[in-house]
Amino acid sequence: MTSHWAASSVIDQYPIDMRLDDLLVGDTPVMQSLKRAIVLIGPSTVPVLIQGPTGTGKEVVAKALHMMSGRTGPMVPLNCGAIPADLLESELFGHEKGAFTGAQAQRIGLIEQANGGTLFLDEIGETPLNVQVKLLRALETQTIQRVGGGTPIPVDFRLLSATHRTLSDDVAKKRFREDLLFRIEVFALTVPALRDRTEDIPLILRKMAQASASGSTLQLTPEA
C-alpha cells in the first residue's frame, strides 16, 4: 500500500534529526514534513519512490534516507537514463566472463555492490521492460543472476527509486510494469519544487555562501 507521508499528519509527532538540516536546507512546513517522513521511514527496509521535478534534490533525499537507515553497506547510485538500454542489465546485475562479446572478465553489478546497503535508481522510468522483469524478481527473491550465469546469488539491498515522470501513466501506456510499480512504491515521497517553498531561498543562499566562502564571514543582504 502506497503511503504519501508528505500529506499525512502522522509524521508531525516525529522530531527532525539535525543531521538532515545539513543535507536538506529549508524550514518551510513542506520541508519539515519531508524531513520528518525521512526520520520515520529511513530505518525501514522497504522500497521508497522519490518523486519530484528535475533538479529538486531527489538524490539528496535518497542520501538522507540511506543515512537514517543505519545500513552498514554503501549507497550505490545509478541514473538509468544515462546508461544505454543494452548495457543497463549488465550494469545492474553484472556478467560472467564470456557472457557476450567483449565480456573478457567477470564483472560484479551494482546490485551486488549495494549488498548490505542501498541501491538508488534515479529516473527508474527509463528502465527497459526486460530489465524491469529482472529487477522485480530481485526484489521478490532477494537474489540475482549475472548475465551469462546460472547460479542465484543472495543479495541484501534496499531499493530507493526516483522519477520526474508519472509512472502510473507509463503503466497505462505499457512502458512500465504495474507489478514493479507496486513493489517500488511501498512508500512515496514528493520533493517540492523551489517555487513551492520560496521562503527557503534565503536559507539556501546562506548555505551556498558559507560553502563557497572557505570559512570567511561572507554574508548576503536581503537585497542580494
N, C-alpha and C. Protein backbone atom coordinates (compact mmCIF):
# COMPACT_ATOMS: atom_id res chain seq x y z
N MET A 1 0.85 -1.20 0.00
CA MET A 1 0.00 0.00 0.00
C MET A 1 0.88 1.24 0.00
N THR A 2 0.64 2.10 -0.91
CA THR A 2 1.43 3.32 -1.02
C THR A 2 1.01 4.32 0.04
N SER A 3 1.99 4.97 0.66
CA SER A 3 1.71 5.97 1.68
C SER A 3 2.41 7.26 1.32
N HIS A 4 1.66 8.33 1.08
CA HIS A 4 2.25 9.62 0.75
C HIS A 4 2.40 10.40 2.06
N TRP A 5 3.57 10.21 2.69
CA TRP A 5 3.78 10.73 4.03
C TRP A 5 3.79 12.25 4.08
N ALA A 6 4.15 12.90 2.97
CA ALA A 6 4.19 14.36 2.99
C ALA A 6 2.81 14.96 3.22
N ALA A 7 1.76 14.19 2.97
CA ALA A 7 0.41 14.68 3.15
C ALA A 7 -0.24 14.11 4.40
N SER A 8 0.53 13.40 5.23
CA SER A 8 -0.03 12.71 6.39
C SER A 8 0.29 13.46 7.67
N SER A 9 -0.70 13.53 8.56
CA SER A 9 -0.48 14.18 9.85
C SER A 9 0.24 13.26 10.82
N VAL A 10 0.41 12.00 10.46
CA VAL A 10 1.07 11.03 11.34
C VAL A 10 2.49 11.46 11.65
N ILE A 11 3.16 12.06 10.69
CA ILE A 11 4.58 12.36 10.86
C ILE A 11 4.84 13.55 11.78
N ASP A 12 3.80 14.32 12.12
CA ASP A 12 4.01 15.51 12.93
C ASP A 12 4.61 15.20 14.28
N GLN A 13 4.45 13.97 14.77
CA GLN A 13 4.96 13.60 16.09
C GLN A 13 6.45 13.28 16.06
N TYR A 14 7.04 13.17 14.87
CA TYR A 14 8.44 12.76 14.77
C TYR A 14 9.34 13.99 14.75
N PRO A 15 10.34 14.03 15.64
CA PRO A 15 11.28 15.17 15.62
C PRO A 15 12.20 15.10 14.42
N ILE A 16 12.67 16.25 13.98
CA ILE A 16 13.58 16.31 12.85
C ILE A 16 15.01 16.06 13.33
N ASP A 17 15.68 15.11 12.71
CA ASP A 17 17.07 14.84 13.03
C ASP A 17 17.92 16.00 12.50
N MET A 18 18.75 16.56 13.36
CA MET A 18 19.52 17.76 12.99
C MET A 18 20.47 17.49 11.83
N ARG A 19 20.87 16.23 11.64
CA ARG A 19 21.77 15.92 10.53
C ARG A 19 21.10 16.20 9.18
N LEU A 20 19.78 16.12 9.15
CA LEU A 20 19.07 16.35 7.89
C LEU A 20 19.12 17.80 7.46
N ASP A 21 19.30 18.72 8.43
CA ASP A 21 19.33 20.13 8.08
C ASP A 21 20.55 20.47 7.22
N ASP A 22 21.62 19.68 7.36
CA ASP A 22 22.80 19.93 6.54
C ASP A 22 22.60 19.43 5.11
N LEU A 23 21.76 18.41 4.94
CA LEU A 23 21.50 17.87 3.61
C LEU A 23 20.35 18.57 2.91
N LEU A 24 19.27 18.77 3.65
CA LEU A 24 18.04 19.33 3.08
C LEU A 24 17.78 20.69 3.72
N VAL A 25 18.19 21.74 3.05
CA VAL A 25 18.08 23.08 3.61
C VAL A 25 16.67 23.61 3.41
N GLY A 26 16.04 24.01 4.51
CA GLY A 26 14.69 24.57 4.41
C GLY A 26 13.90 24.36 5.68
N ASP A 27 13.15 25.38 6.06
CA ASP A 27 12.33 25.33 7.27
C ASP A 27 10.84 25.49 6.98
N THR A 28 10.47 25.55 5.71
CA THR A 28 9.06 25.68 5.39
C THR A 28 8.31 24.43 5.81
N PRO A 29 7.01 24.53 6.05
CA PRO A 29 6.24 23.36 6.51
C PRO A 29 6.40 22.15 5.61
N VAL A 30 6.45 22.36 4.29
CA VAL A 30 6.56 21.22 3.39
C VAL A 30 7.92 20.53 3.54
N MET A 31 8.98 21.29 3.82
CA MET A 31 10.28 20.68 4.02
C MET A 31 10.38 20.02 5.40
N GLN A 32 9.78 20.62 6.40
CA GLN A 32 9.75 19.98 7.71
C GLN A 32 9.00 18.66 7.65
N SER A 33 7.92 18.64 6.89
CA SER A 33 7.16 17.41 6.72
C SER A 33 7.99 16.34 6.03
N LEU A 34 8.73 16.75 4.99
CA LEU A 34 9.58 15.81 4.27
C LEU A 34 10.66 15.24 5.19
N LYS A 35 11.28 16.09 5.99
CA LYS A 35 12.34 15.62 6.90
C LYS A 35 11.78 14.66 7.94
N ARG A 36 10.61 14.95 8.47
CA ARG A 36 10.00 14.04 9.45
C ARG A 36 9.68 12.70 8.81
N ALA A 37 9.22 12.75 7.55
CA ALA A 37 8.93 11.49 6.85
C ALA A 37 10.19 10.66 6.68
N ILE A 38 11.31 11.32 6.42
CA ILE A 38 12.59 10.61 6.26
C ILE A 38 13.00 9.97 7.58
N VAL A 39 12.80 10.70 8.69
CA VAL A 39 13.10 10.13 10.01
C VAL A 39 12.24 8.90 10.26
N LEU A 40 10.99 8.96 9.84
CA LEU A 40 10.04 7.87 10.09
C LEU A 40 10.37 6.63 9.27
N ILE A 41 10.59 6.80 7.98
CA ILE A 41 10.73 5.63 7.11
C ILE A 41 12.18 5.26 6.80
N GLY A 42 13.11 6.15 7.21
CA GLY A 42 14.52 5.86 6.94
C GLY A 42 14.98 4.51 7.47
N PRO A 43 14.65 4.15 8.72
CA PRO A 43 15.12 2.87 9.28
C PRO A 43 14.44 1.64 8.68
N SER A 44 13.39 1.83 7.90
CA SER A 44 12.70 0.70 7.29
C SER A 44 13.57 0.08 6.20
N THR A 45 13.22 -1.14 5.82
CA THR A 45 13.94 -1.80 4.73
C THR A 45 13.15 -1.80 3.43
N VAL A 46 11.94 -1.24 3.44
CA VAL A 46 11.08 -1.33 2.27
C VAL A 46 11.47 -0.29 1.23
N PRO A 47 11.14 -0.54 -0.05
CA PRO A 47 11.46 0.42 -1.11
C PRO A 47 10.72 1.75 -0.96
N VAL A 48 11.35 2.80 -1.46
CA VAL A 48 10.76 4.13 -1.44
C VAL A 48 10.88 4.72 -2.84
N LEU A 49 9.79 5.30 -3.33
CA LEU A 49 9.81 6.03 -4.60
C LEU A 49 9.82 7.52 -4.30
N ILE A 50 10.85 8.20 -4.80
CA ILE A 50 11.01 9.64 -4.58
C ILE A 50 10.61 10.36 -5.85
N GLN A 51 9.61 11.23 -5.73
CA GLN A 51 9.06 11.91 -6.89
C GLN A 51 9.31 13.40 -6.80
N GLY A 52 9.33 14.05 -7.95
CA GLY A 52 9.51 15.49 -7.98
C GLY A 52 10.13 15.93 -9.27
N PRO A 53 10.00 17.22 -9.60
CA PRO A 53 10.58 17.74 -10.84
C PRO A 53 12.09 17.59 -10.87
N THR A 54 12.66 17.63 -12.06
CA THR A 54 14.10 17.56 -12.23
C THR A 54 14.77 18.71 -11.49
N GLY A 55 15.83 18.40 -10.75
CA GLY A 55 16.59 19.43 -10.07
C GLY A 55 16.13 19.76 -8.67
N THR A 56 15.16 19.02 -8.14
CA THR A 56 14.64 19.34 -6.80
C THR A 56 15.46 18.69 -5.68
N GLY A 57 16.36 17.78 -6.02
CA GLY A 57 17.19 17.17 -4.99
C GLY A 57 16.75 15.78 -4.58
N LYS A 58 16.25 15.01 -5.54
CA LYS A 58 15.78 13.66 -5.20
C LYS A 58 16.92 12.75 -4.73
N GLU A 59 18.11 12.92 -5.32
CA GLU A 59 19.23 12.10 -4.87
C GLU A 59 19.66 12.50 -3.46
N VAL A 60 19.52 13.76 -3.11
CA VAL A 60 19.84 14.19 -1.76
C VAL A 60 18.89 13.54 -0.76
N VAL A 61 17.62 13.45 -1.13
CA VAL A 61 16.65 12.76 -0.27
C VAL A 61 17.03 11.29 -0.12
N ALA A 62 17.48 10.68 -1.21
CA ALA A 62 17.93 9.28 -1.14
C ALA A 62 19.12 9.15 -0.18
N LYS A 63 20.07 10.08 -0.24
CA LYS A 63 21.21 10.05 0.67
C LYS A 63 20.75 10.19 2.11
N ALA A 64 19.74 11.04 2.33
CA ALA A 64 19.22 11.22 3.69
C ALA A 64 18.56 9.93 4.19
N LEU A 65 17.79 9.27 3.33
CA LEU A 65 17.16 8.01 3.72
C LEU A 65 18.21 6.96 4.04
N HIS A 66 19.26 6.90 3.22
CA HIS A 66 20.32 5.93 3.48
C HIS A 66 21.03 6.25 4.80
N MET A 67 21.27 7.52 5.05
CA MET A 67 21.93 7.93 6.29
C MET A 67 21.10 7.52 7.51
N MET A 68 19.78 7.66 7.40
CA MET A 68 18.90 7.34 8.52
C MET A 68 18.63 5.84 8.64
N SER A 69 19.02 5.08 7.63
CA SER A 69 18.67 3.65 7.62
C SER A 69 19.49 2.84 8.60
N GLY A 70 20.71 3.29 8.88
CA GLY A 70 21.59 2.50 9.73
C GLY A 70 22.22 1.32 9.03
N ARG A 71 22.00 1.19 7.72
CA ARG A 71 22.59 0.09 6.98
C ARG A 71 24.10 0.31 6.85
N THR A 72 24.85 -0.78 6.99
CA THR A 72 26.31 -0.66 7.02
C THR A 72 26.95 -0.66 5.64
N GLY A 73 26.21 -1.14 4.63
CA GLY A 73 26.75 -1.15 3.28
C GLY A 73 26.65 0.22 2.64
N PRO A 74 27.21 0.36 1.43
CA PRO A 74 27.23 1.66 0.77
C PRO A 74 25.90 2.00 0.11
N MET A 75 25.74 3.27 -0.25
CA MET A 75 24.68 3.67 -1.15
C MET A 75 25.28 3.72 -2.55
N VAL A 76 24.70 2.94 -3.47
CA VAL A 76 25.21 2.83 -4.83
C VAL A 76 24.20 3.48 -5.78
N PRO A 77 24.55 4.62 -6.39
CA PRO A 77 23.60 5.32 -7.27
C PRO A 77 23.79 4.95 -8.74
N LEU A 78 22.69 5.03 -9.48
CA LEU A 78 22.74 4.84 -10.93
C LEU A 78 21.63 5.66 -11.56
N ASN A 79 21.99 6.46 -12.56
CA ASN A 79 20.99 7.16 -13.36
C ASN A 79 20.63 6.26 -14.53
N CYS A 80 19.44 5.69 -14.50
CA CYS A 80 19.03 4.72 -15.51
C CYS A 80 18.93 5.35 -16.90
N GLY A 81 18.70 6.64 -16.96
CA GLY A 81 18.59 7.31 -18.25
C GLY A 81 19.93 7.61 -18.88
N ALA A 82 21.02 7.45 -18.11
CA ALA A 82 22.35 7.78 -18.62
C ALA A 82 23.08 6.57 -19.18
N ILE A 83 22.50 5.38 -19.04
CA ILE A 83 23.13 4.14 -19.49
C ILE A 83 22.36 3.62 -20.71
N PRO A 84 23.05 3.29 -21.80
CA PRO A 84 22.36 2.70 -22.95
C PRO A 84 21.55 1.47 -22.54
N ALA A 85 20.37 1.32 -23.12
CA ALA A 85 19.44 0.25 -22.71
C ALA A 85 20.08 -1.12 -22.80
N ASP A 86 20.93 -1.34 -23.82
CA ASP A 86 21.51 -2.67 -23.99
C ASP A 86 22.63 -2.97 -22.99
N LEU A 87 23.07 -1.96 -22.24
CA LEU A 87 24.12 -2.16 -21.24
C LEU A 87 23.59 -2.12 -19.81
N LEU A 88 22.35 -1.70 -19.64
CA LEU A 88 21.82 -1.49 -18.30
C LEU A 88 21.72 -2.79 -17.51
N GLU A 89 21.33 -3.87 -18.17
CA GLU A 89 21.20 -5.15 -17.46
C GLU A 89 22.55 -5.58 -16.88
N SER A 90 23.61 -5.50 -17.67
CA SER A 90 24.93 -5.87 -17.19
C SER A 90 25.40 -4.93 -16.09
N GLU A 91 25.06 -3.64 -16.22
CA GLU A 91 25.45 -2.66 -15.21
C GLU A 91 24.84 -3.00 -13.86
N LEU A 92 23.57 -3.40 -13.87
CA LEU A 92 22.87 -3.70 -12.62
C LEU A 92 23.21 -5.07 -12.06
N PHE A 93 23.21 -6.08 -12.92
CA PHE A 93 23.30 -7.46 -12.45
C PHE A 93 24.70 -8.06 -12.62
N GLY A 94 25.57 -7.39 -13.34
CA GLY A 94 26.88 -7.93 -13.58
C GLY A 94 26.86 -8.99 -14.68
N HIS A 95 28.02 -9.53 -15.00
CA HIS A 95 28.07 -10.58 -16.02
C HIS A 95 29.24 -11.51 -15.75
N GLU A 96 29.14 -12.69 -16.33
CA GLU A 96 30.21 -13.66 -16.24
C GLU A 96 31.15 -13.50 -17.44
N LYS A 97 32.35 -13.97 -17.29
CA LYS A 97 33.31 -13.94 -18.38
C LYS A 97 32.77 -14.71 -19.58
N GLY A 98 32.81 -14.09 -20.75
CA GLY A 98 32.34 -14.74 -21.96
C GLY A 98 30.84 -14.68 -22.16
N ALA A 99 30.12 -13.92 -21.31
CA ALA A 99 28.66 -13.86 -21.43
C ALA A 99 28.23 -13.24 -22.74
N PHE A 100 29.04 -12.34 -23.29
CA PHE A 100 28.74 -11.70 -24.57
C PHE A 100 30.05 -11.18 -25.13
N THR A 101 30.02 -10.74 -26.35
CA THR A 101 31.22 -10.22 -27.00
C THR A 101 31.78 -9.04 -26.20
N GLY A 102 33.02 -9.14 -25.83
CA GLY A 102 33.65 -8.07 -25.06
C GLY A 102 33.69 -8.33 -23.57
N ALA A 103 32.96 -9.36 -23.10
CA ALA A 103 32.97 -9.70 -21.67
C ALA A 103 34.19 -10.55 -21.38
N GLN A 104 35.32 -9.92 -21.24
CA GLN A 104 36.58 -10.63 -21.10
C GLN A 104 36.88 -11.04 -19.66
N ALA A 105 36.07 -10.54 -18.72
CA ALA A 105 36.27 -10.90 -17.30
C ALA A 105 34.93 -10.80 -16.59
N GLN A 106 34.85 -11.48 -15.48
CA GLN A 106 33.64 -11.39 -14.65
C GLN A 106 33.49 -9.96 -14.12
N ARG A 107 32.25 -9.48 -14.07
CA ARG A 107 32.00 -8.14 -13.55
C ARG A 107 30.90 -8.19 -12.51
N ILE A 108 31.14 -7.58 -11.36
CA ILE A 108 30.15 -7.50 -10.29
C ILE A 108 29.23 -6.32 -10.57
N GLY A 109 27.93 -6.56 -10.61
CA GLY A 109 26.97 -5.50 -10.91
C GLY A 109 26.69 -4.61 -9.70
N LEU A 110 25.96 -3.54 -9.95
CA LEU A 110 25.70 -2.55 -8.90
C LEU A 110 24.83 -3.10 -7.79
N ILE A 111 23.94 -4.04 -8.10
CA ILE A 111 23.10 -4.61 -7.04
C ILE A 111 23.97 -5.37 -6.05
N GLU A 112 24.92 -6.14 -6.55
CA GLU A 112 25.84 -6.84 -5.64
C GLU A 112 26.70 -5.85 -4.87
N GLN A 113 27.10 -4.77 -5.54
CA GLN A 113 27.92 -3.76 -4.86
C GLN A 113 27.15 -3.09 -3.72
N ALA A 114 25.82 -3.06 -3.84
CA ALA A 114 24.98 -2.44 -2.82
C ALA A 114 24.59 -3.41 -1.72
N ASN A 115 25.17 -4.61 -1.71
CA ASN A 115 24.83 -5.62 -0.71
C ASN A 115 25.07 -5.07 0.70
N GLY A 116 24.06 -5.17 1.54
CA GLY A 116 24.15 -4.62 2.88
C GLY A 116 23.84 -3.15 2.96
N GLY A 117 23.60 -2.53 1.81
CA GLY A 117 23.35 -1.10 1.79
C GLY A 117 22.12 -0.74 0.96
N THR A 118 22.27 0.30 0.14
CA THR A 118 21.15 0.88 -0.59
C THR A 118 21.49 1.02 -2.07
N LEU A 119 20.57 0.62 -2.92
CA LEU A 119 20.68 0.87 -4.36
C LEU A 119 19.73 2.00 -4.71
N PHE A 120 20.27 3.07 -5.30
CA PHE A 120 19.45 4.20 -5.70
C PHE A 120 19.38 4.27 -7.21
N LEU A 121 18.18 4.07 -7.76
CA LEU A 121 17.97 4.12 -9.20
C LEU A 121 17.24 5.41 -9.55
N ASP A 122 18.00 6.36 -10.06
CA ASP A 122 17.42 7.63 -10.50
C ASP A 122 16.82 7.43 -11.88
N GLU A 123 15.71 8.13 -12.13
CA GLU A 123 14.98 8.02 -13.40
C GLU A 123 14.69 6.56 -13.74
N ILE A 124 14.08 5.86 -12.79
CA ILE A 124 13.76 4.45 -12.99
C ILE A 124 12.76 4.25 -14.12
N GLY A 125 12.03 5.27 -14.47
CA GLY A 125 11.08 5.17 -15.57
C GLY A 125 11.74 4.95 -16.92
N GLU A 126 13.05 5.18 -17.00
CA GLU A 126 13.79 4.97 -18.25
C GLU A 126 14.24 3.52 -18.41
N THR A 127 13.97 2.67 -17.43
CA THR A 127 14.43 1.29 -17.47
C THR A 127 13.64 0.48 -18.50
N PRO A 128 14.30 -0.24 -19.41
CA PRO A 128 13.58 -1.05 -20.39
C PRO A 128 12.83 -2.21 -19.73
N LEU A 129 11.81 -2.70 -20.41
CA LEU A 129 10.93 -3.70 -19.83
C LEU A 129 11.65 -4.99 -19.46
N ASN A 130 12.62 -5.41 -20.26
CA ASN A 130 13.31 -6.66 -19.93
C ASN A 130 14.11 -6.55 -18.64
N VAL A 131 14.64 -5.37 -18.36
CA VAL A 131 15.36 -5.16 -17.11
C VAL A 131 14.38 -5.02 -15.95
N GLN A 132 13.22 -4.45 -16.21
CA GLN A 132 12.19 -4.35 -15.17
C GLN A 132 11.81 -5.72 -14.64
N VAL A 133 11.71 -6.71 -15.54
CA VAL A 133 11.35 -8.07 -15.13
C VAL A 133 12.39 -8.62 -14.16
N LYS A 134 13.68 -8.45 -14.49
CA LYS A 134 14.74 -8.97 -13.64
C LYS A 134 14.81 -8.22 -12.31
N LEU A 135 14.56 -6.91 -12.35
CA LEU A 135 14.58 -6.12 -11.12
C LEU A 135 13.44 -6.55 -10.20
N LEU A 136 12.28 -6.81 -10.77
CA LEU A 136 11.14 -7.28 -9.98
C LEU A 136 11.48 -8.59 -9.29
N ARG A 137 12.08 -9.51 -10.03
CA ARG A 137 12.45 -10.80 -9.45
C ARG A 137 13.49 -10.62 -8.33
N ALA A 138 14.42 -9.72 -8.54
CA ALA A 138 15.43 -9.47 -7.50
C ALA A 138 14.79 -8.96 -6.22
N LEU A 139 13.79 -8.10 -6.36
CA LEU A 139 13.09 -7.58 -5.18
C LEU A 139 12.27 -8.66 -4.49
N GLU A 140 11.68 -9.52 -5.27
CA GLU A 140 10.82 -10.57 -4.71
C GLU A 140 11.62 -11.67 -4.04
N THR A 141 12.76 -12.02 -4.60
CA THR A 141 13.52 -13.17 -4.11
C THR A 141 14.79 -12.80 -3.35
N GLN A 142 15.19 -11.52 -3.44
CA GLN A 142 16.46 -11.08 -2.86
C GLN A 142 17.62 -11.93 -3.38
N THR A 143 17.51 -12.31 -4.64
CA THR A 143 18.60 -12.98 -5.34
C THR A 143 18.71 -12.38 -6.74
N ILE A 144 19.90 -12.53 -7.33
CA ILE A 144 20.10 -12.10 -8.72
C ILE A 144 20.86 -13.18 -9.46
N GLN A 145 20.85 -13.08 -10.78
CA GLN A 145 21.72 -13.89 -11.62
C GLN A 145 22.49 -12.95 -12.55
N ARG A 146 23.79 -13.10 -12.57
CA ARG A 146 24.57 -12.29 -13.50
C ARG A 146 24.25 -12.71 -14.94
N VAL A 147 24.45 -11.80 -15.86
CA VAL A 147 24.26 -12.12 -17.27
C VAL A 147 25.25 -13.24 -17.64
N GLY A 148 24.72 -14.31 -18.20
CA GLY A 148 25.55 -15.45 -18.54
C GLY A 148 25.77 -16.42 -17.41
N GLY A 149 25.20 -16.14 -16.25
CA GLY A 149 25.35 -17.02 -15.09
C GLY A 149 24.07 -17.80 -14.83
N GLY A 150 24.21 -18.91 -14.13
CA GLY A 150 23.03 -19.73 -13.84
C GLY A 150 22.78 -19.93 -12.37
N THR A 151 23.66 -19.45 -11.51
CA THR A 151 23.54 -19.65 -10.07
C THR A 151 22.95 -18.41 -9.41
N PRO A 152 21.82 -18.56 -8.69
CA PRO A 152 21.26 -17.42 -7.96
C PRO A 152 22.23 -16.93 -6.87
N ILE A 153 22.38 -15.63 -6.78
CA ILE A 153 23.29 -15.02 -5.80
C ILE A 153 22.45 -14.22 -4.80
N PRO A 154 22.50 -14.59 -3.50
CA PRO A 154 21.73 -13.83 -2.50
C PRO A 154 22.25 -12.40 -2.38
N VAL A 155 21.33 -11.46 -2.28
CA VAL A 155 21.71 -10.06 -2.09
C VAL A 155 20.78 -9.44 -1.05
N ASP A 156 21.33 -8.56 -0.26
CA ASP A 156 20.56 -7.82 0.75
C ASP A 156 20.71 -6.34 0.44
N PHE A 157 19.73 -5.80 -0.26
CA PHE A 157 19.80 -4.38 -0.61
C PHE A 157 18.43 -3.75 -0.43
N ARG A 158 18.46 -2.46 -0.14
CA ARG A 158 17.23 -1.68 -0.09
C ARG A 158 17.17 -0.82 -1.34
N LEU A 159 16.03 -0.82 -2.01
CA LEU A 159 15.90 -0.06 -3.24
C LEU A 159 15.22 1.28 -2.98
N LEU A 160 15.90 2.34 -3.40
CA LEU A 160 15.31 3.67 -3.47
C LEU A 160 15.27 4.06 -4.94
N SER A 161 14.13 4.56 -5.40
CA SER A 161 13.98 4.94 -6.80
C SER A 161 13.54 6.40 -6.88
N ALA A 162 13.81 7.01 -8.01
CA ALA A 162 13.38 8.39 -8.22
C ALA A 162 12.89 8.56 -9.65
N THR A 163 11.96 9.47 -9.81
CA THR A 163 11.44 9.77 -11.14
C THR A 163 10.83 11.17 -11.16
N HIS A 164 10.90 11.81 -12.32
CA HIS A 164 10.17 13.07 -12.51
C HIS A 164 8.90 12.81 -13.32
N ARG A 165 8.71 11.53 -13.71
CA ARG A 165 7.57 11.16 -14.54
C ARG A 165 6.43 10.65 -13.67
N THR A 166 5.25 10.56 -14.29
CA THR A 166 4.10 9.93 -13.63
C THR A 166 4.07 8.48 -14.08
N LEU A 167 4.58 7.59 -13.24
CA LEU A 167 4.75 6.20 -13.64
C LEU A 167 3.43 5.50 -13.89
N SER A 168 2.36 5.95 -13.23
CA SER A 168 1.05 5.34 -13.49
C SER A 168 0.62 5.57 -14.94
N ASP A 169 1.01 6.73 -15.51
CA ASP A 169 0.73 6.98 -16.92
C ASP A 169 1.54 6.03 -17.80
N ASP A 170 2.80 5.77 -17.40
CA ASP A 170 3.64 4.85 -18.15
C ASP A 170 3.09 3.43 -18.07
N VAL A 171 2.49 3.08 -16.94
CA VAL A 171 1.85 1.76 -16.81
C VAL A 171 0.70 1.66 -17.81
N ALA A 172 -0.11 2.71 -17.89
CA ALA A 172 -1.25 2.70 -18.81
C ALA A 172 -0.80 2.59 -20.26
N LYS A 173 0.39 3.13 -20.55
CA LYS A 173 0.92 3.08 -21.92
C LYS A 173 1.81 1.86 -22.16
N LYS A 174 1.84 0.94 -21.17
CA LYS A 174 2.62 -0.31 -21.28
C LYS A 174 4.12 -0.04 -21.36
N ARG A 175 4.57 1.08 -20.79
CA ARG A 175 6.00 1.37 -20.77
C ARG A 175 6.64 1.02 -19.43
N PHE A 176 5.80 0.75 -18.45
CA PHE A 176 6.31 0.40 -17.13
C PHE A 176 5.39 -0.66 -16.54
N ARG A 177 6.00 -1.66 -15.90
CA ARG A 177 5.23 -2.78 -15.36
C ARG A 177 4.46 -2.37 -14.10
N GLU A 178 3.19 -2.70 -14.07
CA GLU A 178 2.37 -2.36 -12.92
C GLU A 178 2.84 -3.09 -11.66
N ASP A 179 3.25 -4.36 -11.82
CA ASP A 179 3.68 -5.12 -10.64
C ASP A 179 4.99 -4.56 -10.08
N LEU A 180 5.86 -4.03 -10.94
CA LEU A 180 7.08 -3.42 -10.44
C LEU A 180 6.77 -2.10 -9.73
N LEU A 181 5.87 -1.31 -10.29
CA LEU A 181 5.48 -0.07 -9.64
C LEU A 181 4.93 -0.34 -8.24
N PHE A 182 4.13 -1.40 -8.11
CA PHE A 182 3.58 -1.78 -6.81
C PHE A 182 4.71 -2.08 -5.83
N ARG A 183 5.77 -2.71 -6.33
CA ARG A 183 6.89 -3.10 -5.47
C ARG A 183 7.75 -1.93 -5.04
N ILE A 184 7.98 -0.98 -5.94
CA ILE A 184 8.92 0.10 -5.63
C ILE A 184 8.26 1.28 -4.92
N GLU A 185 6.93 1.31 -4.91
CA GLU A 185 6.21 2.45 -4.36
C GLU A 185 5.53 2.08 -3.04
N VAL A 186 6.21 1.29 -2.23
CA VAL A 186 5.64 0.97 -0.91
C VAL A 186 5.46 2.24 -0.10
N PHE A 187 6.47 3.09 -0.12
CA PHE A 187 6.36 4.46 0.38
C PHE A 187 6.65 5.41 -0.77
N ALA A 188 5.97 6.53 -0.81
CA ALA A 188 6.23 7.55 -1.82
C ALA A 188 6.49 8.89 -1.13
N LEU A 189 7.57 9.53 -1.52
CA LEU A 189 7.89 10.86 -1.03
C LEU A 189 7.93 11.83 -2.20
N THR A 190 7.39 13.01 -1.99
CA THR A 190 7.41 14.04 -3.02
C THR A 190 8.33 15.17 -2.59
N VAL A 191 9.30 15.49 -3.43
CA VAL A 191 10.22 16.58 -3.15
C VAL A 191 9.66 17.84 -3.79
N PRO A 192 9.38 18.88 -3.01
CA PRO A 192 8.74 20.07 -3.58
C PRO A 192 9.69 20.87 -4.45
N ALA A 193 9.13 21.49 -5.47
CA ALA A 193 9.90 22.41 -6.31
C ALA A 193 10.20 23.69 -5.51
N LEU A 194 11.28 24.37 -5.86
CA LEU A 194 11.66 25.58 -5.14
C LEU A 194 10.58 26.65 -5.22
N ARG A 195 9.84 26.66 -6.33
CA ARG A 195 8.77 27.66 -6.46
C ARG A 195 7.66 27.45 -5.42
N ASP A 196 7.60 26.25 -4.85
CA ASP A 196 6.59 25.95 -3.84
C ASP A 196 7.10 26.19 -2.42
N ARG A 197 8.35 26.64 -2.30
CA ARG A 197 8.91 26.93 -0.97
C ARG A 197 9.90 28.10 -1.07
N THR A 198 9.43 29.18 -1.66
CA THR A 198 10.30 30.33 -1.91
C THR A 198 10.86 30.92 -0.61
N GLU A 199 10.16 30.69 0.51
CA GLU A 199 10.65 31.23 1.79
C GLU A 199 11.98 30.61 2.19
N ASP A 200 12.30 29.46 1.59
CA ASP A 200 13.57 28.79 1.91
C ASP A 200 14.76 29.35 1.13
N ILE A 201 14.51 30.19 0.14
CA ILE A 201 15.59 30.68 -0.72
C ILE A 201 16.68 31.40 0.07
N PRO A 202 16.36 32.31 1.03
CA PRO A 202 17.44 32.95 1.80
C PRO A 202 18.30 31.93 2.55
N LEU A 203 17.69 30.89 3.12
CA LEU A 203 18.47 29.86 3.83
C LEU A 203 19.40 29.12 2.87
N ILE A 204 18.88 28.81 1.69
CA ILE A 204 19.70 28.10 0.71
C ILE A 204 20.87 28.95 0.25
N LEU A 205 20.62 30.23 0.00
CA LEU A 205 21.69 31.14 -0.44
C LEU A 205 22.75 31.30 0.64
N ARG A 206 22.29 31.38 1.92
CA ARG A 206 23.26 31.48 3.01
C ARG A 206 24.14 30.25 3.08
N LYS A 207 23.52 29.11 2.91
CA LYS A 207 24.27 27.84 2.94
C LYS A 207 25.29 27.81 1.79
N MET A 208 24.87 28.26 0.62
CA MET A 208 25.77 28.29 -0.53
C MET A 208 26.92 29.27 -0.29
N ALA A 209 26.59 30.41 0.30
CA ALA A 209 27.63 31.40 0.57
C ALA A 209 28.65 30.87 1.57
N GLN A 210 28.16 30.19 2.60
CA GLN A 210 29.07 29.61 3.60
C GLN A 210 29.96 28.55 2.97
N ALA A 211 29.39 27.75 2.08
CA ALA A 211 30.16 26.67 1.45
C ALA A 211 31.25 27.21 0.53
N SER A 212 30.99 28.38 -0.07
CA SER A 212 31.95 28.93 -1.04
C SER A 212 32.89 29.95 -0.43
N ALA A 213 32.65 30.27 0.84
CA ALA A 213 33.43 31.34 1.46
C ALA A 213 34.69 30.83 2.15
N SER A 214 34.86 29.53 2.22
CA SER A 214 36.07 28.93 2.81
C SER A 214 36.34 29.46 4.22
N GLY A 215 35.28 29.51 5.01
CA GLY A 215 35.46 29.91 6.40
C GLY A 215 35.40 31.40 6.64
N SER A 216 35.22 32.23 5.63
CA SER A 216 35.15 33.67 5.84
C SER A 216 33.75 34.03 6.34
N THR A 217 33.54 35.31 6.61
CA THR A 217 32.27 35.77 7.15
C THR A 217 31.38 36.35 6.05
N LEU A 218 31.48 35.83 4.84
CA LEU A 218 30.65 36.32 3.74
C LEU A 218 29.18 36.20 4.09
N GLN A 219 28.44 37.27 3.91
CA GLN A 219 27.01 37.28 4.17
C GLN A 219 26.29 37.94 2.99
N LEU A 220 25.01 37.58 2.85
CA LEU A 220 24.19 38.16 1.79
C LEU A 220 23.15 39.10 2.41
N THR A 221 22.99 40.27 1.81
CA THR A 221 21.96 41.18 2.27
C THR A 221 20.60 40.72 1.71
N PRO A 222 19.51 41.16 2.32
CA PRO A 222 18.19 40.82 1.77
C PRO A 222 18.03 41.23 0.33
N GLU A 223 18.65 42.36 -0.07
CA GLU A 223 18.55 42.80 -1.46
C GLU A 223 19.26 41.81 -2.37
N ALA A 224 20.40 41.32 -1.94
CA ALA A 224 21.14 40.34 -2.75
C ALA A 224 20.33 39.08 -2.89
